Each structure stands twice: as structure tokens, then as C-alpha cells.
């Protein structure tokens, strides 16, 4: 059983989304060293496919002492977005902002991602 917490705000064709999942106890027991990378990649694929988008670029970066998978994506004839995914201690966090171009240049877009902090 996976518990999912989902919060979304939509306004003027722009979407802000925070989702976090609590993985079942013992799920990560015996996970290989690249397991967190696979979990982040699977969550990212799920988000982008759910929006019927395509990833333009992605990279793993350190924030708050944690590895985040960050991707820029687009949905043909609709807009662009960014998705950030973190796996930490049995939890998967996803942050998504999406909207029409040039949405990625808007101050609210950057502020949304900068406002989220995980305290270990």
C-alpha cells in the first residue's frame, strides 16, 4: 500500500502541484545503491506521461543536501513545465509547475520551486 498526498493549484492555465508518497514499510530494505535513482526516474516518467508531455532535458542536482532529479518538459501545442523529484527515507516528493510559454520565465514559477525545502 502506498499512501499518496496530492496538492494542486490551477489558475490562468498554470498549474502548481506538490505530491508526496509514503512507500510501504520495508519497501526499500535491500535496495541496490542505484535504487533511489530508479525511483526518481520512475516518478518523473509518471508525471510527464500523465501530462502527455516529453522531457526536453533532465539532470540530478544537490539541494538541501539531497539529490533532486529536475526536468524541463513540454506538452505539444499547450505549454512547458518543470518537474523536480526527490526520494528520501521512504518518501517520494514531486514538484511540478506547468503552463503556456513563456511561463518558465515568470517569477511565480521560480518562487514555487525555491519555496520548497526538505529538512532531514
N, C-alpha and C. Protein backbone atom coordinates (compact mmCIF):
# COMPACT_ATOMS: atom_id res chain seq x y z
N UNK A 1 0.85 -1.19 0.00
CA UNK A 1 0.00 0.00 0.00
C UNK A 1 0.89 1.24 0.00
N UNK A 2 0.63 2.14 -0.93
CA UNK A 2 1.34 3.41 -1.00
C UNK A 2 0.34 4.51 -0.67
N UNK A 3 0.71 5.36 0.27
CA UNK A 3 -0.14 6.50 0.62
C UNK A 3 0.32 7.71 -0.18
N UNK A 4 -0.62 8.34 -0.89
CA UNK A 4 -0.31 9.50 -1.74
C UNK A 4 -1.00 10.74 -1.19
N UNK A 5 -0.24 11.82 -1.08
CA UNK A 5 -0.76 13.13 -0.67
C UNK A 5 -0.59 14.05 -1.87
N UNK A 6 -1.66 14.70 -2.30
CA UNK A 6 -1.61 15.47 -3.54
C UNK A 6 -2.25 16.83 -3.34
N UNK A 7 -1.51 17.87 -3.67
CA UNK A 7 -2.00 19.25 -3.55
C UNK A 7 -1.76 19.95 -4.89
N UNK A 8 -2.81 20.55 -5.44
CA UNK A 8 -2.69 21.19 -6.75
C UNK A 8 -3.40 22.54 -6.72
N UNK A 9 -2.80 23.50 -7.42
CA UNK A 9 -3.41 24.81 -7.58
C UNK A 9 -3.36 25.14 -9.06
N UNK A 10 -4.50 25.49 -9.64
CA UNK A 10 -4.57 25.83 -11.05
C UNK A 10 -5.16 27.22 -11.18
N UNK A 11 -4.52 28.05 -12.00
CA UNK A 11 -5.00 29.41 -12.22
C UNK A 11 -4.48 29.90 -13.56
N UNK A 12 -5.35 30.49 -14.35
CA UNK A 12 -4.95 31.08 -15.63
C UNK A 12 -4.09 30.15 -16.48
N UNK A 13 -4.54 28.91 -16.63
CA UNK A 13 -3.84 27.91 -17.44
C UNK A 13 -2.45 27.56 -16.88
N UNK A 14 -2.23 27.85 -15.60
CA UNK A 14 -0.97 27.49 -14.95
C UNK A 14 -1.26 26.53 -13.82
N UNK A 15 -0.38 25.56 -13.66
CA UNK A 15 -0.58 24.54 -12.65
C UNK A 15 0.62 24.47 -11.73
N UNK A 16 0.36 24.41 -10.44
CA UNK A 16 1.38 24.15 -9.42
C UNK A 16 0.95 22.87 -8.71
N UNK A 17 1.86 21.93 -8.54
CA UNK A 17 1.48 20.64 -7.98
C UNK A 17 2.57 20.14 -7.03
N UNK A 18 2.16 19.72 -5.85
CA UNK A 18 3.04 19.05 -4.90
C UNK A 18 2.39 17.71 -4.59
N UNK A 19 3.14 16.66 -4.78
CA UNK A 19 2.69 15.32 -4.43
C UNK A 19 3.78 14.65 -3.62
N UNK A 20 3.39 13.96 -2.57
CA UNK A 20 4.37 13.12 -1.91
C UNK A 20 3.74 11.79 -1.55
N UNK A 21 4.57 10.76 -1.65
CA UNK A 21 4.11 9.39 -1.44
C UNK A 21 4.90 8.77 -0.30
N UNK A 22 4.19 8.08 0.56
CA UNK A 22 4.82 7.30 1.62
C UNK A 22 4.88 5.87 1.13
N UNK A 23 6.09 5.36 0.90
CA UNK A 23 6.24 3.99 0.42
C UNK A 23 6.01 3.03 1.58
N UNK A 24 5.59 1.81 1.29
CA UNK A 24 5.32 0.84 2.36
C UNK A 24 6.56 0.54 3.20
N UNK A 25 6.34 0.27 4.48
CA UNK A 25 7.44 -0.10 5.36
C UNK A 25 8.17 -1.31 4.77
N UNK A 26 9.48 -1.26 4.78
CA UNK A 26 10.27 -2.36 4.25
C UNK A 26 10.48 -2.33 2.75
N UNK A 27 9.83 -1.40 2.05
CA UNK A 27 9.93 -1.32 0.59
C UNK A 27 11.37 -1.15 0.14
N UNK A 28 12.13 -0.35 0.89
CA UNK A 28 13.49 -0.04 0.47
C UNK A 28 14.53 -0.98 1.08
N UNK A 29 14.08 -1.95 1.89
CA UNK A 29 15.01 -2.90 2.50
C UNK A 29 15.74 -3.68 1.40
N UNK A 30 17.05 -3.64 1.44
CA UNK A 30 17.85 -4.35 0.45
C UNK A 30 17.90 -3.68 -0.91
N UNK A 31 17.49 -2.40 -0.97
CA UNK A 31 17.51 -1.69 -2.25
C UNK A 31 18.95 -1.51 -2.74
N UNK A 32 19.22 -1.74 -4.02
CA UNK A 32 20.57 -1.52 -4.55
C UNK A 32 20.94 -0.04 -4.48
N UNK A 33 22.22 0.25 -4.60
CA UNK A 33 22.68 1.64 -4.45
C UNK A 33 22.07 2.57 -5.49
N UNK A 34 21.69 2.05 -6.66
CA UNK A 34 21.06 2.91 -7.66
C UNK A 34 19.53 2.92 -7.54
N UNK A 35 19.00 2.32 -6.51
CA UNK A 35 17.56 2.28 -6.29
C UNK A 35 16.90 3.64 -6.23
N UNK A 36 17.45 4.58 -5.42
CA UNK A 36 16.84 5.91 -5.38
C UNK A 36 16.79 6.59 -6.75
N UNK A 37 17.82 6.38 -7.56
CA UNK A 37 17.84 6.95 -8.91
C UNK A 37 16.69 6.38 -9.75
N UNK A 38 16.45 5.09 -9.63
CA UNK A 38 15.36 4.46 -10.38
C UNK A 38 13.99 4.93 -9.88
N UNK A 39 13.87 5.12 -8.58
CA UNK A 39 12.60 5.61 -8.03
C UNK A 39 12.33 7.03 -8.54
N UNK A 40 13.35 7.90 -8.49
CA UNK A 40 13.17 9.27 -9.00
C UNK A 40 12.81 9.26 -10.48
N UNK A 41 13.53 8.45 -11.26
CA UNK A 41 13.26 8.38 -12.70
C UNK A 41 11.86 7.87 -13.00
N UNK A 42 11.40 6.87 -12.27
CA UNK A 42 10.05 6.34 -12.47
C UNK A 42 8.98 7.36 -12.13
N UNK A 43 9.20 8.11 -11.04
CA UNK A 43 8.24 9.15 -10.65
C UNK A 43 8.19 10.25 -11.70
N UNK A 44 9.36 10.65 -12.20
CA UNK A 44 9.41 11.69 -13.24
C UNK A 44 8.68 11.22 -14.50
N UNK A 45 8.94 10.01 -14.93
CA UNK A 45 8.26 9.48 -16.12
C UNK A 45 6.75 9.49 -15.92
N UNK A 46 6.30 9.11 -14.75
CA UNK A 46 4.87 9.08 -14.46
C UNK A 46 4.25 10.47 -14.55
N UNK A 47 4.93 11.47 -14.00
CA UNK A 47 4.42 12.84 -14.04
C UNK A 47 4.31 13.34 -15.48
N UNK A 48 5.38 13.21 -16.23
CA UNK A 48 5.41 13.74 -17.59
C UNK A 48 4.43 12.99 -18.49
N UNK A 49 4.36 11.68 -18.38
CA UNK A 49 3.40 10.91 -19.18
C UNK A 49 1.97 11.26 -18.81
N UNK A 50 1.74 11.51 -17.52
CA UNK A 50 0.40 11.89 -17.07
C UNK A 50 -0.07 13.19 -17.69
N UNK A 51 0.86 14.07 -18.03
CA UNK A 51 0.54 15.34 -18.69
C UNK A 51 0.63 15.22 -20.21
N UNK A 52 0.95 14.03 -20.70
CA UNK A 52 1.16 13.77 -22.13
C UNK A 52 2.28 14.63 -22.70
N UNK A 53 3.34 14.74 -21.90
CA UNK A 53 4.47 15.57 -22.29
C UNK A 53 5.69 14.77 -22.70
N UNK A 54 6.73 15.51 -23.08
CA UNK A 54 8.02 14.93 -23.44
C UNK A 54 9.11 15.70 -22.71
N UNK A 55 10.06 14.97 -22.14
CA UNK A 55 11.17 15.59 -21.42
C UNK A 55 12.13 16.21 -22.44
N UNK A 56 12.50 17.47 -22.19
CA UNK A 56 13.49 18.15 -23.04
C UNK A 56 14.89 18.00 -22.48
N UNK A 57 15.01 18.05 -21.16
CA UNK A 57 16.31 17.88 -20.51
C UNK A 57 16.07 17.49 -19.06
N UNK A 58 17.06 16.79 -18.49
CA UNK A 58 16.97 16.45 -17.08
C UNK A 58 18.36 16.31 -16.50
N UNK A 59 18.47 16.54 -15.21
CA UNK A 59 19.75 16.44 -14.52
C UNK A 59 19.49 16.23 -13.03
N UNK A 60 20.42 15.58 -12.38
CA UNK A 60 20.36 15.42 -10.93
C UNK A 60 21.19 16.54 -10.32
N UNK A 61 20.61 17.21 -9.32
CA UNK A 61 21.32 18.31 -8.66
C UNK A 61 21.12 18.21 -7.16
N UNK A 62 22.09 18.72 -6.43
CA UNK A 62 22.04 18.75 -4.97
C UNK A 62 21.30 19.99 -4.49
N UNK A 63 20.29 19.79 -3.64
CA UNK A 63 19.62 20.90 -2.95
C UNK A 63 19.29 20.42 -1.55
N UNK A 64 19.50 21.25 -0.59
CA UNK A 64 19.23 20.91 0.80
C UNK A 64 19.97 19.63 1.22
N UNK A 65 21.11 19.36 0.59
CA UNK A 65 21.87 18.16 0.92
C UNK A 65 21.29 16.88 0.34
N UNK A 66 20.35 16.99 -0.59
CA UNK A 66 19.68 15.83 -1.19
C UNK A 66 19.79 15.86 -2.71
N UNK A 67 19.72 14.68 -3.32
CA UNK A 67 19.74 14.58 -4.78
C UNK A 67 18.33 14.72 -5.34
N UNK A 68 18.12 15.76 -6.14
CA UNK A 68 16.85 16.01 -6.82
C UNK A 68 17.03 15.74 -8.30
N UNK A 69 16.07 15.09 -8.91
CA UNK A 69 16.04 14.95 -10.37
C UNK A 69 15.15 16.06 -10.89
N UNK A 70 15.71 16.93 -11.71
CA UNK A 70 14.98 18.07 -12.26
C UNK A 70 14.89 17.93 -13.77
N UNK A 71 13.68 18.13 -14.30
CA UNK A 71 13.48 18.01 -15.75
C UNK A 71 12.67 19.17 -16.27
N UNK A 72 13.04 19.63 -17.45
CA UNK A 72 12.24 20.58 -18.22
C UNK A 72 11.48 19.74 -19.24
N UNK A 73 10.19 20.05 -19.45
CA UNK A 73 9.41 19.26 -20.39
C UNK A 73 8.44 20.17 -21.13
N UNK A 74 7.86 19.62 -22.18
CA UNK A 74 6.85 20.37 -22.94
C UNK A 74 5.69 19.44 -23.30
N UNK A 75 4.54 20.04 -23.49
CA UNK A 75 3.37 19.34 -23.99
C UNK A 75 3.01 20.05 -25.30
N UNK A 76 3.08 19.31 -26.38
CA UNK A 76 2.88 19.88 -27.71
C UNK A 76 1.60 20.72 -27.79
N UNK A 77 1.74 21.91 -28.33
CA UNK A 77 0.63 22.84 -28.56
C UNK A 77 -0.05 23.31 -27.28
N UNK A 78 0.61 23.12 -26.13
CA UNK A 78 -0.02 23.59 -24.90
C UNK A 78 0.91 24.38 -24.00
N UNK A 79 2.11 23.89 -23.73
CA UNK A 79 2.97 24.65 -22.84
C UNK A 79 4.21 23.92 -22.40
N UNK A 80 4.86 24.50 -21.41
CA UNK A 80 6.12 23.99 -20.89
C UNK A 80 6.03 23.84 -19.38
N UNK A 81 6.95 23.05 -18.85
CA UNK A 81 6.93 22.86 -17.41
C UNK A 81 8.25 22.37 -16.88
N UNK A 82 8.25 22.23 -15.58
CA UNK A 82 9.41 21.71 -14.86
C UNK A 82 8.89 20.75 -13.81
N UNK A 83 9.61 19.65 -13.63
CA UNK A 83 9.27 18.68 -12.59
C UNK A 83 10.53 18.38 -11.79
N UNK A 84 10.42 18.43 -10.47
CA UNK A 84 11.52 18.09 -9.57
C UNK A 84 11.08 16.90 -8.74
N UNK A 85 11.96 15.91 -8.60
CA UNK A 85 11.62 14.69 -7.87
C UNK A 85 12.72 14.39 -6.86
N UNK A 86 12.30 14.06 -5.64
CA UNK A 86 13.22 13.68 -4.56
C UNK A 86 12.75 12.37 -3.95
N UNK A 87 13.68 11.45 -3.73
CA UNK A 87 13.40 10.27 -2.92
C UNK A 87 14.20 10.44 -1.64
N UNK A 88 13.55 10.27 -0.49
CA UNK A 88 14.23 10.44 0.79
C UNK A 88 13.54 9.60 1.86
N UNK A 89 14.27 8.68 2.44
CA UNK A 89 13.80 7.91 3.60
C UNK A 89 12.39 7.32 3.42
N UNK A 90 12.15 6.67 2.30
CA UNK A 90 10.87 6.02 2.09
C UNK A 90 9.76 6.93 1.60
N UNK A 91 10.12 8.15 1.20
CA UNK A 91 9.14 9.10 0.69
C UNK A 91 9.60 9.60 -0.68
N UNK A 92 8.64 9.82 -1.57
CA UNK A 92 8.93 10.39 -2.89
C UNK A 92 8.16 11.70 -2.99
N UNK A 93 8.88 12.79 -3.27
CA UNK A 93 8.29 14.12 -3.40
C UNK A 93 8.38 14.55 -4.85
N UNK A 94 7.30 15.09 -5.41
CA UNK A 94 7.35 15.67 -6.75
C UNK A 94 6.77 17.08 -6.70
N UNK A 95 7.46 17.99 -7.34
CA UNK A 95 7.01 19.36 -7.53
C UNK A 95 6.88 19.58 -9.02
N UNK A 96 5.75 20.13 -9.46
CA UNK A 96 5.53 20.36 -10.88
C UNK A 96 4.92 21.73 -11.07
N UNK A 97 5.46 22.48 -12.02
CA UNK A 97 4.85 23.74 -12.46
C UNK A 97 4.73 23.64 -13.98
N UNK A 98 3.57 24.05 -14.48
CA UNK A 98 3.30 23.88 -15.90
C UNK A 98 2.40 25.00 -16.38
N UNK A 99 2.63 25.47 -17.61
CA UNK A 99 1.78 26.50 -18.18
C UNK A 99 2.25 26.87 -19.58
N UNK A 100 1.55 27.84 -20.20
CA UNK A 100 1.92 28.25 -21.56
C UNK A 100 3.26 29.00 -21.57
N UNK A 101 3.98 28.90 -22.70
CA UNK A 101 5.23 29.66 -22.82
C UNK A 101 4.90 31.15 -22.83
N UNK A 102 5.69 32.03 -22.33
CA UNK A 102 6.98 31.86 -21.67
C UNK A 102 6.85 31.70 -20.16
N UNK A 103 5.98 30.83 -19.74
CA UNK A 103 5.69 30.61 -18.32
C UNK A 103 6.94 30.37 -17.49
N UNK A 104 7.92 29.64 -18.02
CA UNK A 104 9.12 29.32 -17.26
C UNK A 104 9.93 30.55 -16.88
N UNK A 105 9.63 31.70 -17.47
CA UNK A 105 10.34 32.95 -17.13
C UNK A 105 9.61 33.76 -16.07
N UNK A 106 8.43 33.33 -15.66
CA UNK A 106 7.64 34.08 -14.68
C UNK A 106 8.22 33.93 -13.27
N UNK A 107 8.18 35.01 -12.47
CA UNK A 107 8.73 34.94 -11.11
C UNK A 107 8.04 33.89 -10.23
N UNK A 108 6.73 33.67 -10.44
CA UNK A 108 6.00 32.69 -9.62
C UNK A 108 6.53 31.28 -9.85
N UNK A 109 6.97 31.02 -11.05
CA UNK A 109 7.49 29.71 -11.43
C UNK A 109 8.72 29.38 -10.59
N UNK A 110 9.70 30.27 -10.59
CA UNK A 110 10.93 30.05 -9.82
C UNK A 110 10.63 30.05 -8.32
N UNK A 111 9.77 30.95 -7.88
CA UNK A 111 9.45 31.05 -6.45
C UNK A 111 8.83 29.75 -5.93
N UNK A 112 8.00 29.10 -6.74
CA UNK A 112 7.38 27.85 -6.33
C UNK A 112 8.44 26.81 -5.98
N UNK A 113 9.43 26.64 -6.84
CA UNK A 113 10.48 25.65 -6.58
C UNK A 113 11.40 26.08 -5.45
N UNK A 114 11.71 27.36 -5.37
CA UNK A 114 12.60 27.85 -4.32
C UNK A 114 11.95 27.79 -2.93
N UNK A 115 10.63 27.78 -2.88
CA UNK A 115 9.94 27.83 -1.59
C UNK A 115 9.88 26.47 -0.89
N UNK A 116 10.21 25.40 -1.58
CA UNK A 116 10.10 24.07 -1.00
C UNK A 116 11.44 23.64 -0.43
N UNK A 117 11.43 23.24 0.83
CA UNK A 117 12.66 22.80 1.49
C UNK A 117 12.36 21.54 2.29
N UNK A 118 13.25 20.57 2.17
CA UNK A 118 13.14 19.33 2.94
C UNK A 118 14.16 19.41 4.05
N UNK A 119 13.70 19.21 5.26
CA UNK A 119 14.61 19.19 6.41
C UNK A 119 14.80 17.74 6.82
N UNK A 120 16.04 17.28 6.71
CA UNK A 120 16.35 15.87 7.02
C UNK A 120 16.23 15.60 8.50
